Amino acid sequence: VTNPGNCDSVISVVVVSVPVSIQANNDDAGNIDVVVGLKGFINALSNDTFNGLPINPADVTFTLTPNANFTTSGNGLLDALANIPGGVYAISYTICEKGNPNNCSMATVNVFVARPSIALVKTAQFNDENADGYAQAGETITYNFEVTNTGNVPLTNINIVDPLPGVVMTGSPLTLNVGETNLTHFQGIYVIKQTDINKGSISNQATVFGTGPNGRVVQDISDDINIVNDNPTVLTVSGCAIKVYNAVTPDGSDKYDKLVIQGLECYPDNSIEIFNRWGVLVFERDHYNNDDIVFRGISEGRVTVEKSQELPAGTYFYILKYRDSNSNAFEKSGYLYLNRK
């Protein structure tokens, strides 16, 4: 007889594993400007999901595809290293479930690295206002500036600072697009001084400044030829060459009223002697200067000819002696012609 109450019951429990949904989504980090490195410029996990919910970094393993310019500490934050070349980068990464390392998803972070930069070329042109081929104090130099945006982003508020004392700059702040060059917007005018002529050249450099989209100011020191180097602009001013204008017509009508010796301003340590055709000294002065110490056809000999006497028309002989700033001695001689109308 079977006793239905005398039974054993067996219950089987079946555990079903429900797959975890993990989803990595692409990111756009926008523009970054990297100079000394930039930590945590984006959290790549911020738009990724774990079972449809925001990811807890503790639940996943975050791995960055090996990259020479970007790193991560493993929490989804990306770091940019210093001095990354400008351009567009696609940074790949993978997230995997810690409990199931085979459950992974991959995505890409796109980022544009801005590298603002600028270059300046400065050239000089001597304006020979009196067209005599020599520089005199009061004549001018025109400085022209070629500005180039050598970076990969537009630049605004571009301006030039030229430290040459006395140079007058023109040109308001400028904007240049990527790769754009401007050759005419900025200009400088400089009035030559006698000290410049005595030195024989004028040398200086200007600096250009520009501002990138992220507010970083970039600059460049000028070169005289190209946008790569940074050499000063040097202009030779040949005003110290001695040239004797040896025709003197003291009638009060023009510049030939006196004996003009061009370039003598460079050699204040000088003396001149003038002799008539018989070798008699008729004029002798130190520190000849083409102004108040000057020969106007009047005798200023010390012993042989009466002072303040008008000399007759004719041919005379001069001896000019002078020293440069290094005390090197020079001598020049020749004939001059005195005419009277």
Protein backbone atom coordinates (compact mmCIF):
# COMPACT_ATOMS: atom_id res chain seq x y z
CA VAL A 1 0.00 0.00 0.00
CA THR A 2 1.38 3.24 -0.99
CA ASN A 3 1.39 5.99 1.56
CA PRO A 4 1.04 9.20 -0.36
CA GLY A 5 2.04 11.22 2.66
CA ASN A 6 5.39 9.59 2.93
CA CYS A 7 7.25 11.48 0.19
CA ASP A 8 10.45 13.51 -0.34
CA SER A 9 10.30 16.74 -2.41
CA VAL A 10 13.22 17.89 -4.62
CA ILE A 11 13.30 21.56 -5.88
CA SER A 12 15.77 22.53 -8.62
CA VAL A 13 16.84 26.21 -8.90
CA VAL A 14 18.18 27.32 -12.25
CA VAL A 15 20.33 30.56 -12.19
CA VAL A 16 20.21 32.44 -15.46
CA SER A 17 23.14 34.93 -16.16
CA VAL A 18 21.79 38.16 -17.67
CA PRO A 19 24.40 39.86 -19.95
CA VAL A 20 25.51 43.37 -18.85
CA SER A 21 25.10 46.04 -21.50
CA ILE A 22 28.22 48.23 -21.77
CA GLN A 23 28.33 51.02 -24.33
CA ALA A 24 31.21 53.37 -25.16
CA ASN A 25 30.22 56.43 -27.19
CA ASN A 26 32.40 58.73 -29.29
CA ASP A 27 33.37 62.12 -27.87
CA ASP A 28 34.30 65.49 -29.32
CA ALA A 29 36.74 67.32 -27.02
CA GLY A 30 36.72 70.48 -29.16
CA ASN A 31 39.83 72.67 -29.26
CA ILE A 32 42.68 72.58 -26.77
CA ASP A 33 45.80 74.75 -26.65
CA VAL A 34 48.69 72.78 -25.22
CA VAL A 35 51.94 74.41 -24.12
CA VAL A 36 53.14 72.74 -20.91
CA GLY A 37 50.64 69.86 -20.87
CA LEU A 38 46.97 69.70 -19.96
CA LYS A 39 45.51 67.26 -17.44
CA GLY A 40 41.93 65.98 -17.56
CA PHE A 41 40.84 67.95 -20.62
CA ILE A 42 37.91 65.52 -21.07
CA ASN A 43 36.23 62.64 -19.21
CA ALA A 44 35.67 60.01 -21.92
CA LEU A 45 33.33 58.03 -19.64
CA SER A 46 30.90 60.90 -19.18
CA ASN A 47 28.61 59.78 -22.04
CA ASP A 48 29.21 56.01 -21.78
CA THR A 49 26.65 53.66 -20.16
CA PHE A 50 26.57 50.50 -18.07
CA ASN A 51 23.20 48.73 -18.31
CA GLY A 52 21.78 51.97 -19.62
CA LEU A 53 23.03 54.00 -16.67
CA PRO A 54 26.03 56.34 -16.32
CA ILE A 55 29.20 54.36 -15.78
CA ASN A 56 30.78 54.04 -12.37
CA PRO A 57 34.55 53.95 -13.11
CA ALA A 58 34.87 51.27 -10.42
CA ASP A 59 32.82 48.84 -12.58
CA VAL A 60 35.01 49.00 -15.70
CA THR A 61 38.56 48.87 -16.89
CA PHE A 62 39.46 51.91 -19.01
CA THR A 63 42.28 51.36 -21.52
CA LEU A 64 43.71 53.92 -23.95
CA THR A 65 45.11 52.72 -27.25
CA PRO A 66 48.86 53.51 -27.04
CA ASN A 67 49.40 57.13 -28.04
CA ALA A 68 52.55 59.28 -28.06
CA ASN A 69 50.67 62.50 -27.21
CA PHE A 70 47.86 61.53 -24.83
CA THR A 71 47.72 59.46 -21.62
CA THR A 72 45.23 58.48 -18.93
CA SER A 73 45.38 57.47 -15.28
CA GLY A 74 42.62 54.90 -15.91
CA ASN A 75 39.62 56.79 -14.63
CA GLY A 76 38.39 58.04 -17.99
CA LEU A 77 40.20 61.40 -17.79
CA LEU A 78 42.56 62.15 -20.68
CA ASP A 79 45.79 64.11 -20.29
CA ALA A 80 47.59 65.92 -23.13
CA LEU A 81 51.37 65.98 -23.05
CA ALA A 82 53.41 69.15 -23.61
CA ASN A 83 54.25 70.54 -27.05
CA ILE A 84 51.93 68.32 -29.06
CA PRO A 85 52.05 69.21 -32.77
CA GLY A 86 48.95 71.04 -33.90
CA GLY A 87 46.24 69.16 -35.76
CA VAL A 88 43.23 66.82 -35.43
CA TYR A 89 43.63 63.65 -33.34
CA ALA A 90 41.37 60.57 -32.99
CA ILE A 91 42.13 58.92 -29.62
CA SER A 92 40.77 55.37 -29.29
CA TYR A 93 39.88 53.78 -25.97
CA THR A 94 38.20 50.56 -24.67
CA ILE A 95 36.04 49.94 -21.61
CA CYS A 96 35.53 46.39 -20.30
CA GLU A 97 33.36 45.04 -17.51
CA LYS A 98 35.58 44.12 -14.58
CA GLY A 99 33.50 41.05 -13.78
CA ASN A 100 33.58 39.89 -17.38
CA PRO A 101 36.74 41.14 -19.16
CA ASN A 102 35.39 39.88 -22.47
CA ASN A 103 32.46 42.26 -22.31
CA CYS A 104 33.95 45.38 -23.88
CA SER A 105 33.10 48.38 -26.01
CA MET A 106 35.34 50.78 -27.95
CA ALA A 107 34.95 54.47 -28.85
CA THR A 108 36.98 57.46 -30.11
CA VAL A 109 37.69 60.91 -28.68
CA ASN A 110 38.25 63.55 -31.37
CA VAL A 111 40.28 66.60 -30.39
CA PHE A 112 41.78 69.57 -32.26
CA VAL A 113 45.12 70.77 -30.90
CA ALA A 114 45.57 74.48 -31.56
CA ARG A 115 49.11 75.71 -32.17
CA PRO A 116 49.01 79.48 -32.65
CA SER A 117 52.25 80.96 -33.97
CA ILE A 118 53.39 84.04 -35.83
CA ALA A 119 56.45 85.24 -37.76
CA LEU A 120 57.86 88.66 -38.66
CA VAL A 121 60.25 89.84 -41.37
CA LYS A 122 61.53 93.42 -41.14
CA THR A 123 63.25 95.19 -44.03
CA ALA A 124 64.76 98.68 -44.25
CA GLN A 125 64.89 101.19 -47.10
CA PHE A 126 67.06 104.31 -47.00
CA ASN A 127 65.21 107.33 -48.39
CA ASP A 128 67.94 109.43 -50.01
CA GLU A 129 65.91 112.63 -49.94
CA ASN A 130 68.59 114.77 -51.55
CA ALA A 131 69.57 112.00 -54.01
CA ASP A 132 73.29 112.40 -53.44
CA GLY A 133 73.95 108.75 -52.62
CA TYR A 134 75.00 109.45 -49.02
CA ALA A 135 73.19 109.58 -45.71
CA GLN A 136 72.85 112.86 -43.86
CA ALA A 137 71.30 113.58 -40.50
CA GLY A 138 67.62 114.35 -41.04
CA GLU A 139 67.11 111.95 -43.92
CA THR A 140 64.85 108.98 -43.26
CA ILE A 141 64.57 105.20 -43.31
CA THR A 142 61.33 103.34 -44.03
CA TYR A 143 60.87 100.02 -42.24
CA ASN A 144 58.44 97.54 -43.81
CA PHE A 145 57.00 94.56 -41.94
CA GLU A 146 55.84 91.22 -43.33
CA VAL A 147 53.61 89.45 -40.80
CA THR A 148 52.60 85.79 -41.31
CA ASN A 149 50.21 83.59 -39.35
CA THR A 150 52.28 80.39 -39.22
CA GLY A 151 49.92 78.51 -36.87
CA ASN A 152 46.75 76.48 -37.41
CA VAL A 153 44.25 78.91 -35.86
CA PRO A 154 43.29 82.53 -36.66
CA LEU A 155 45.11 85.29 -34.79
CA THR A 156 43.64 88.57 -33.59
CA ASN A 157 45.00 91.74 -31.98
CA ILE A 158 48.24 91.48 -33.96
CA ASN A 159 50.57 94.36 -33.21
CA ILE A 160 54.26 95.24 -33.61
CA VAL A 161 56.58 96.84 -31.08
CA ASP A 162 59.78 98.36 -32.50
CA PRO A 163 62.24 99.42 -29.78
CA LEU A 164 64.34 101.69 -32.03
CA PRO A 165 64.27 105.08 -30.25
CA GLY A 166 62.59 107.67 -32.44
CA VAL A 167 60.90 105.31 -34.92
CA VAL A 168 57.30 106.30 -35.69
CA MET A 169 55.05 103.28 -36.25
CA THR A 170 51.75 103.19 -38.13
CA GLY A 171 49.17 100.37 -38.32
CA SER A 172 46.29 99.41 -36.03
CA PRO A 173 45.84 95.88 -34.54
CA LEU A 174 45.38 93.31 -37.28
CA THR A 175 43.64 89.91 -37.74
CA LEU A 176 45.16 87.15 -39.86
CA ASN A 177 43.66 83.81 -40.86
CA VAL A 178 45.66 80.58 -40.96
CA GLY A 179 48.53 80.91 -43.45
CA GLU A 180 47.71 84.55 -44.25
CA THR A 181 50.49 87.13 -44.78
CA ASN A 182 50.30 90.92 -44.69
CA LEU A 183 53.09 93.09 -46.11
CA THR A 184 51.64 96.60 -46.06
CA HIS A 185 49.64 97.19 -42.87
CA PHE A 186 52.52 98.13 -40.57
CA GLN A 187 55.25 100.64 -41.34
CA GLY A 188 57.91 102.56 -39.45
CA ILE A 189 59.68 105.82 -40.28
CA TYR A 190 62.99 106.70 -38.65
CA VAL A 191 64.91 109.97 -38.92
CA ILE A 192 68.65 109.36 -39.20
CA LYS A 193 70.87 110.94 -36.56
CA GLN A 194 74.49 111.95 -36.91
CA THR A 195 75.42 109.33 -34.32
CA ASP A 196 73.96 106.69 -36.65
CA ILE A 197 76.11 107.95 -39.52
CA ASN A 198 79.18 107.96 -37.31
CA LYS A 199 78.55 104.30 -36.43
CA GLY A 200 78.10 103.45 -40.10
CA SER A 201 74.95 101.35 -39.67
CA ILE A 202 71.62 101.08 -37.87
CA SER A 203 70.67 97.72 -36.38
CA ASN A 204 67.57 96.65 -34.49
CA GLN A 205 64.78 94.09 -34.22
CA ALA A 206 61.03 94.41 -33.79
CA THR A 207 58.63 92.01 -32.05
CA VAL A 208 55.19 90.98 -33.29
CA PHE A 209 52.41 89.79 -30.97
CA GLY A 210 49.16 87.95 -31.76
CA THR A 211 46.35 86.31 -29.76
CA GLY A 212 44.97 82.83 -30.44
CA PRO A 213 41.30 81.78 -30.00
CA ASN A 214 41.99 80.46 -26.49
CA GLY A 215 43.53 83.76 -25.40
CA ARG A 216 47.17 82.71 -25.54
CA VAL A 217 49.50 85.44 -26.80
CA VAL A 218 52.26 84.35 -29.18
CA GLN A 219 55.18 86.44 -30.41
CA ASP A 220 58.17 86.44 -32.74
CA ILE A 221 61.33 88.52 -33.04
CA SER A 222 61.89 89.83 -36.55
CA ASP A 223 64.32 88.50 -39.12
CA ASP A 224 65.68 90.51 -42.04
CA ILE A 225 65.10 87.81 -44.71
CA ASN A 226 62.76 84.95 -43.80
CA ILE A 227 60.16 83.76 -41.28
CA VAL A 228 62.41 81.02 -39.87
CA ASN A 229 65.38 82.92 -38.42
CA ASP A 230 65.63 85.82 -35.96
CA ASN A 231 68.43 88.05 -37.20
CA PRO A 232 68.42 91.83 -36.69
CA THR A 233 67.79 94.19 -39.56
CA VAL A 234 71.03 96.06 -40.31
CA LEU A 235 71.14 99.02 -42.71
CA THR A 236 74.47 100.53 -43.70
CA VAL A 237 74.41 104.33 -43.73
CA SER A 238 77.43 105.50 -45.70
CA GLY A 239 77.57 109.13 -44.72
CA CYS A 240 81.14 109.21 -43.46
CA ALA A 241 82.80 109.08 -46.85
CA ILE A 242 84.77 112.29 -47.34
CA LYS A 243 83.79 114.22 -50.46
CA VAL A 244 85.12 117.73 -51.09
CA TYR A 245 82.88 120.05 -53.13
CA ASN A 246 85.80 122.03 -54.45
CA ALA A 247 84.01 124.89 -56.21
CA VAL A 248 83.51 128.00 -54.06
CA THR A 249 81.52 131.00 -55.30
CA PRO A 250 81.06 133.37 -52.32
CA ASP A 251 78.32 135.60 -53.68
CA GLY A 252 75.60 134.79 -51.10
CA SER A 253 73.32 133.13 -53.61
CA ASP A 254 73.60 129.36 -53.06
CA LYS A 255 75.30 126.48 -51.23
CA TYR A 256 78.60 127.12 -53.06
CA ASP A 257 79.21 130.18 -50.92
CA LYS A 258 81.52 128.05 -48.81
CA LEU A 259 83.81 125.06 -49.09
CA VAL A 260 81.64 122.05 -48.20
CA ILE A 261 83.31 118.81 -47.15
CA GLN A 262 80.72 116.06 -47.01
CA GLY A 263 81.16 113.44 -44.31
CA LEU A 264 83.33 115.62 -42.09
CA GLU A 265 80.63 115.48 -39.38
CA CYS A 266 81.96 111.99 -38.66
CA TYR A 267 85.44 113.33 -38.01
CA PRO A 268 85.30 116.36 -35.67
CA ASP A 269 89.01 115.86 -34.93
CA ASN A 270 90.26 117.50 -38.12
CA SER A 271 92.30 120.35 -39.55
CA ILE A 272 92.53 122.00 -42.95
CA GLU A 273 95.14 124.14 -44.65
CA ILE A 274 94.57 126.06 -47.90
CA PHE A 275 97.42 127.48 -50.01
CA ASN A 276 97.42 129.78 -53.01
CA ARG A 277 99.29 128.96 -56.23
CA TRP A 278 102.55 130.26 -54.78
CA GLY A 279 102.33 127.99 -51.74
CA VAL A 280 101.33 130.75 -49.37
CA LEU A 281 99.07 129.63 -46.52
CA VAL A 282 95.82 131.62 -46.81
CA PHE A 283 93.50 129.60 -44.55
CA GLU A 284 94.09 127.32 -41.58
CA ARG A 285 91.53 126.00 -39.09
CA ASP A 286 90.98 123.11 -36.73
CA HIS A 287 87.62 121.36 -36.30
CA TYR A 288 86.25 122.42 -39.70
CA ASN A 289 82.45 121.83 -39.60
CA ASN A 290 80.84 123.32 -42.76
CA ASP A 291 78.97 125.80 -40.57
CA ASP A 292 80.65 128.46 -38.46
CA ILE A 293 84.16 127.13 -39.02
CA VAL A 294 84.26 127.30 -42.79
CA PHE A 295 86.18 128.72 -45.75
CA ARG A 296 84.26 131.47 -47.63
CA GLY A 297 87.07 132.85 -49.78
CA ILE A 298 88.39 135.01 -46.94
CA SER A 299 92.02 134.81 -45.86
CA GLU A 300 92.64 133.50 -42.37
CA GLY A 301 96.33 132.78 -42.73
CA ARG A 302 98.38 133.41 -39.63
CA VAL A 303 101.47 135.17 -40.97
CA THR A 304 101.84 135.47 -44.70
CA VAL A 305 98.50 136.93 -45.78
CA GLU A 306 96.47 139.61 -44.04
CA LYS A 307 93.46 138.17 -42.21
CA SER A 308 89.91 138.99 -43.35
CA GLN A 309 91.14 139.86 -46.81
CA GLU A 310 89.03 138.62 -49.74
CA LEU A 311 91.08 136.23 -51.79
CA PRO A 312 91.21 136.62 -55.57
CA ALA A 313 89.57 134.12 -57.90
CA GLY A 314 91.82 131.30 -58.88
CA THR A 315 93.05 127.82 -58.05
CA TYR A 316 94.01 126.89 -54.51
CA PHE A 317 95.40 123.75 -52.90
CA TYR A 318 94.03 122.18 -49.73
CA ILE A 319 95.34 119.61 -47.26
CA LEU A 320 92.72 117.99 -45.01
CA LYS A 321 93.80 115.88 -42.04
CA TYR A 322 91.37 113.98 -39.83
CA ARG A 323 91.09 111.14 -37.32
CA ASP A 324 88.31 108.61 -36.83
CA SER A 325 86.83 107.51 -33.50
CA ASN A 326 89.69 105.01 -33.11
CA SER A 327 92.29 107.76 -33.59
CA ASN A 328 93.35 106.42 -36.98
CA ALA A 329 94.85 109.27 -39.00
CA PHE A 330 93.83 110.10 -42.58
CA GLU A 331 94.81 112.79 -45.06
CA LYS A 332 93.19 114.06 -48.24
CA SER A 333 94.46 116.79 -50.55
CA GLY A 334 93.48 118.37 -53.82
CA TYR A 335 92.63 121.56 -55.68
CA LEU A 336 89.72 123.90 -55.13
CA TYR A 337 88.47 126.66 -57.37
CA LEU A 338 87.46 130.08 -56.10
CA ASN A 339 85.21 132.08 -58.40
CA ARG A 340 83.81 135.55 -57.92
CA LYS A 341 80.91 136.97 -59.90
